[in-house]
C-alpha atoms as a PDB file:
ATOM      1  CA  MET A   1     101.615  96.671  77.346  1.00  0.00           C
ATOM      2  CA  ALA A   2     102.458  98.761  80.369  1.00  0.00           C
ATOM      3  CA  TYR A   3     101.996  98.451  84.108  1.00  0.00           C
ATOM      4  CA  LEU A   4     100.647 101.806  85.285  1.00  0.00           C
ATOM      5  CA  PRO A   5      99.932 102.962  88.836  1.00  0.00           C
ATOM      6  CA  ASP A   6      96.341 103.263  90.032  1.00  0.00           C
ATOM      7  CA  ASP A   7      94.981 106.622  91.220  1.00  0.00           C
ATOM      8  CA  ASP A   8      96.294 106.040  94.761  1.00  0.00           C
ATOM      9  CA  ALA A   9      99.739 104.867  93.551  1.00  0.00           C
ATOM     10  CA  GLU A  10      99.287 101.731  95.648  1.00  0.00           C
ATOM     11  CA  ALA A  11      99.098  99.117  92.900  1.00  0.00           C
ATOM     12  CA  LEU A  12     100.002  98.610  89.246  1.00  0.00           C
ATOM     13  CA  THR A  13      97.476  97.559  86.616  1.00  0.00           C
ATOM     14  CA  LEU A  14      98.061  96.228  83.142  1.00  0.00           C
ATOM     15  CA  HIS A  15      97.260  98.455  80.147  1.00  0.00           C
ATOM     16  CA  ARG A  16      97.411  97.920  76.391  1.00  0.00           C
ATOM     17  CA  VAL A  17      99.297 100.691  74.578  1.00  0.00           C
ATOM     18  CA  ASP A  18      97.537 101.988  71.457  1.00  0.00           C
ATOM     19  CA  ASP A  19      98.526 104.748  69.068  1.00  0.00           C
ATOM     20  CA  GLY A  20      96.731 108.030  69.713  1.00  0.00           C
ATOM     21  CA  ALA A  21      95.609 110.747  67.340  1.00  0.00           C
ATOM     22  CA  GLY A  22      98.947 112.570  67.333  1.00  0.00           C
ATOM     23  CA  PRO A  23     102.251 111.225  66.004  1.00  0.00           C
ATOM     24  CA  HIS A  24     103.708 110.679  69.503  1.00  0.00           C
ATOM     25  CA  GLU A  25     100.476 110.250  71.438  1.00  0.00           C
ATOM     26  CA  LYS A  26      99.836 106.957  73.219  1.00  0.00           C
ATOM     27  CA  LEU A  27      96.565 105.716  74.663  1.00  0.00           C
ATOM     28  CA  PHE A  28      96.639 103.376  77.643  1.00  0.00           C
ATOM     29  CA  VAL A  29      93.650 101.010  77.754  1.00  0.00           C
ATOM     30  CA  PRO A  30      93.147  98.973  80.955  1.00  0.00           C
ATOM     31  CA  ILE A  31      93.282  95.216  80.308  1.00  0.00           C
ATOM     32  CA  GLN A  32      93.834  93.853  83.818  1.00  0.00           C
ATOM     33  CA  SER A  33      90.722  91.699  83.340  1.00  0.00           C
ATOM     34  CA  LEU A  34      92.605  89.697  80.679  1.00  0.00           C
ATOM     35  CA  VAL A  35      95.261  88.563  83.179  1.00  0.00           C
ATOM     36  CA  THR A  36      94.757  85.429  85.259  1.00  0.00           C
ATOM     37  CA  PRO A  37      97.120  85.231  88.234  1.00  0.00           C
ATOM     38  CA  VAL A  38      98.935  81.917  88.647  1.00  0.00           C
ATOM     39  CA  PRO A  39      98.760  80.850  92.310  1.00  0.00           C
ATOM     40  CA  GLU A  40     101.963  80.268  94.273  1.00  0.00           C
ATOM     41  CA  SER A  41     100.887  76.664  94.848  1.00  0.00           C
ATOM     42  CA  ALA A  42     101.122  76.008  91.104  1.00  0.00           C
ATOM     43  CA  VAL A  43     104.842  76.765  91.050  1.00  0.00           C
ATOM     44  CA  SER A  44     105.995  75.868  94.528  1.00  0.00           C
ATOM     45  CA  GLY A  45     107.931  72.760  95.347  1.00  0.00           C
ATOM     46  CA  GLU A  46     111.081  71.492  96.928  1.00  0.00           C
ATOM     47  CA  ARG A  47     114.086  73.547  95.765  1.00  0.00           C
ATOM     48  CA  ILE A  48     111.942  75.851  93.603  1.00  0.00           C
ATOM     49  CA  THR A  49     112.676  79.486  94.388  1.00  0.00           C
ATOM     50  CA  PRO A  50     112.906  82.670  92.372  1.00  0.00           C
ATOM     51  CA  TRP A  51     116.407  83.759  91.468  1.00  0.00           C
ATOM     52  CA  MET A  52     115.401  87.404  91.628  1.00  0.00           C
ATOM     53  CA  GLN A  53     112.604  89.254  93.355  1.00  0.00           C
ATOM     54  CA  LEU A  54     111.657  92.824  92.541  1.00  0.00           C
ATOM     55  CA  ASP A  55     108.889  95.050  93.811  1.00  0.00           C
ATOM     56  CA  LEU A  56     108.075  96.869  90.566  1.00  0.00           C
ATOM     57  CA  LEU A  57     106.061  99.616  92.245  1.00  0.00           C
ATOM     58  CA  GLN A  58     108.900 100.380  94.647  1.00  0.00           C
ATOM     59  CA  ALA A  59     111.449 100.342  91.802  1.00  0.00           C
ATOM     60  CA  LEU A  60     109.258 102.752  89.796  1.00  0.00           C
ATOM     61  CA  GLN A  61     108.945 105.090  92.777  1.00  0.00           C
ATOM     62  CA  GLN A  62     112.731 105.177  93.144  1.00  0.00           C
ATOM     63  CA  TRP A  63     113.190 105.747  89.389  1.00  0.00           C
ATOM     64  CA  ALA A  64     110.649 108.581  89.385  1.00  0.00           C
ATOM     65  CA  GLU A  65     112.350 110.290  92.301  1.00  0.00           C
ATOM     66  CA  ARG A  66     115.844 109.985  90.812  1.00  0.00           C
ATOM     67  CA  HIS A  67     114.705 111.230  87.401  1.00  0.00           C
ATOM     68  CA  ASP A  68     112.368 113.938  88.698  1.00  0.00           C
ATOM     69  CA  GLN A  69     109.372 112.404  86.897  1.00  0.00           C
ATOM     70  CA  SER A  70     105.856 111.539  87.956  1.00  0.00           C
ATOM     71  CA  LEU A  71     105.228 107.919  88.864  1.00  0.00           C
ATOM     72  CA  ARG A  72     102.847 107.590  85.918  1.00  0.00           C
ATOM     73  CA  ARG A  73     105.378 109.009  83.416  1.00  0.00           C
ATOM     74  CA  SER A  74     108.083 106.717  84.770  1.00  0.00           C
ATOM     75  CA  ALA A  75     105.801 103.695  84.400  1.00  0.00           C
ATOM     76  CA  GLU A  76     104.872 104.691  80.836  1.00  0.00           C
ATOM     77  CA  LYS A  77     108.576 104.843  80.044  1.00  0.00           C
ATOM     78  CA  ILE A  78     110.063 101.778  81.771  1.00  0.00           C
ATOM     79  CA  ALA A  79     107.297  99.424  83.006  1.00  0.00           C
ATOM     80  CA  THR A  80     106.529  98.109  79.538  1.00  0.00           C
ATOM     81  CA  ALA A  81     106.806  94.787  77.751  1.00  0.00           C
ATOM     82  CA  SER A  82     105.782  93.346  74.414  1.00  0.00           C
ATOM     83  CA  LEU A  83     103.282  90.507  74.430  1.00  0.00           C
ATOM     84  CA  PRO A  84     101.878  88.665  71.430  1.00  0.00           C
ATOM     85  CA  LYS A  85      98.559  90.094  70.271  1.00  0.00           C
ATOM     86  CA  GLN A  86      95.647  87.993  71.372  1.00  0.00           C
ATOM     87  CA  GLN A  87      93.320  86.785  68.636  1.00  0.00           C
ATOM     88  CA  SER A  88      90.628  86.199  71.240  1.00  0.00           C
ATOM     89  CA  ALA A  89      89.682  87.620  74.609  1.00  0.00           C
ATOM     90  CA  GLN A  90      91.416  84.795  76.474  1.00  0.00           C
ATOM     91  CA  GLY A  91      94.317  86.921  77.703  1.00  0.00           C
ATOM     92  CA  TRP A  92      97.369  85.758  79.633  1.00  0.00           C
ATOM     93  CA  ARG A  93      98.412  83.952  82.768  1.00  0.00           C
ATOM     94  CA  PHE A  94     100.902  85.786  84.973  1.00  0.00           C
ATOM     95  CA  HIS A  95     103.190  84.825  87.805  1.00  0.00           C
ATOM     96  CA  ALA A  96     105.755  87.188  89.323  1.00  0.00           C
ATOM     97  CA  TRP A  97     108.490  84.529  89.070  1.00  0.00           C
ATOM     98  CA  LEU A  98     107.629  83.219  85.615  1.00  0.00           C
ATOM     99  CA  GLY A  99     106.157  86.201  83.780  1.00  0.00           C
ATOM    100  CA  PHE A 100     103.423  86.016  81.142  1.00  0.00           C
ATOM    101  CA  ASN A 101     102.105  83.068  79.192  1.00  0.00           C
ATOM    102  CA  LYS A 102      99.159  82.813  76.793  1.00  0.00           C
ATOM    103  CA  GLU A 103      95.964  81.662  78.465  1.00  0.00           C
END
């Protein structure tokens, strides 16, 4: 999967990465609808804090500038992760502190 910028480069949306027709061609299929956000209240509590916070969109913008690449190309290259294939359409839960978990 990959987080790719929207048309306005204001937000990132989740995409599945499929093989394209050519040997090095990749197709990016939007799957944001398969992600359920976990609310902050579900993980907040006394002495519970993230050990690291990162604004992925901002980090991608900096990467793209330093490497003279488009924001989209940078995201295709470095904003990726491997998730287990879903056998159903249930998808995943996501929280910025905890990452992905099967729904």
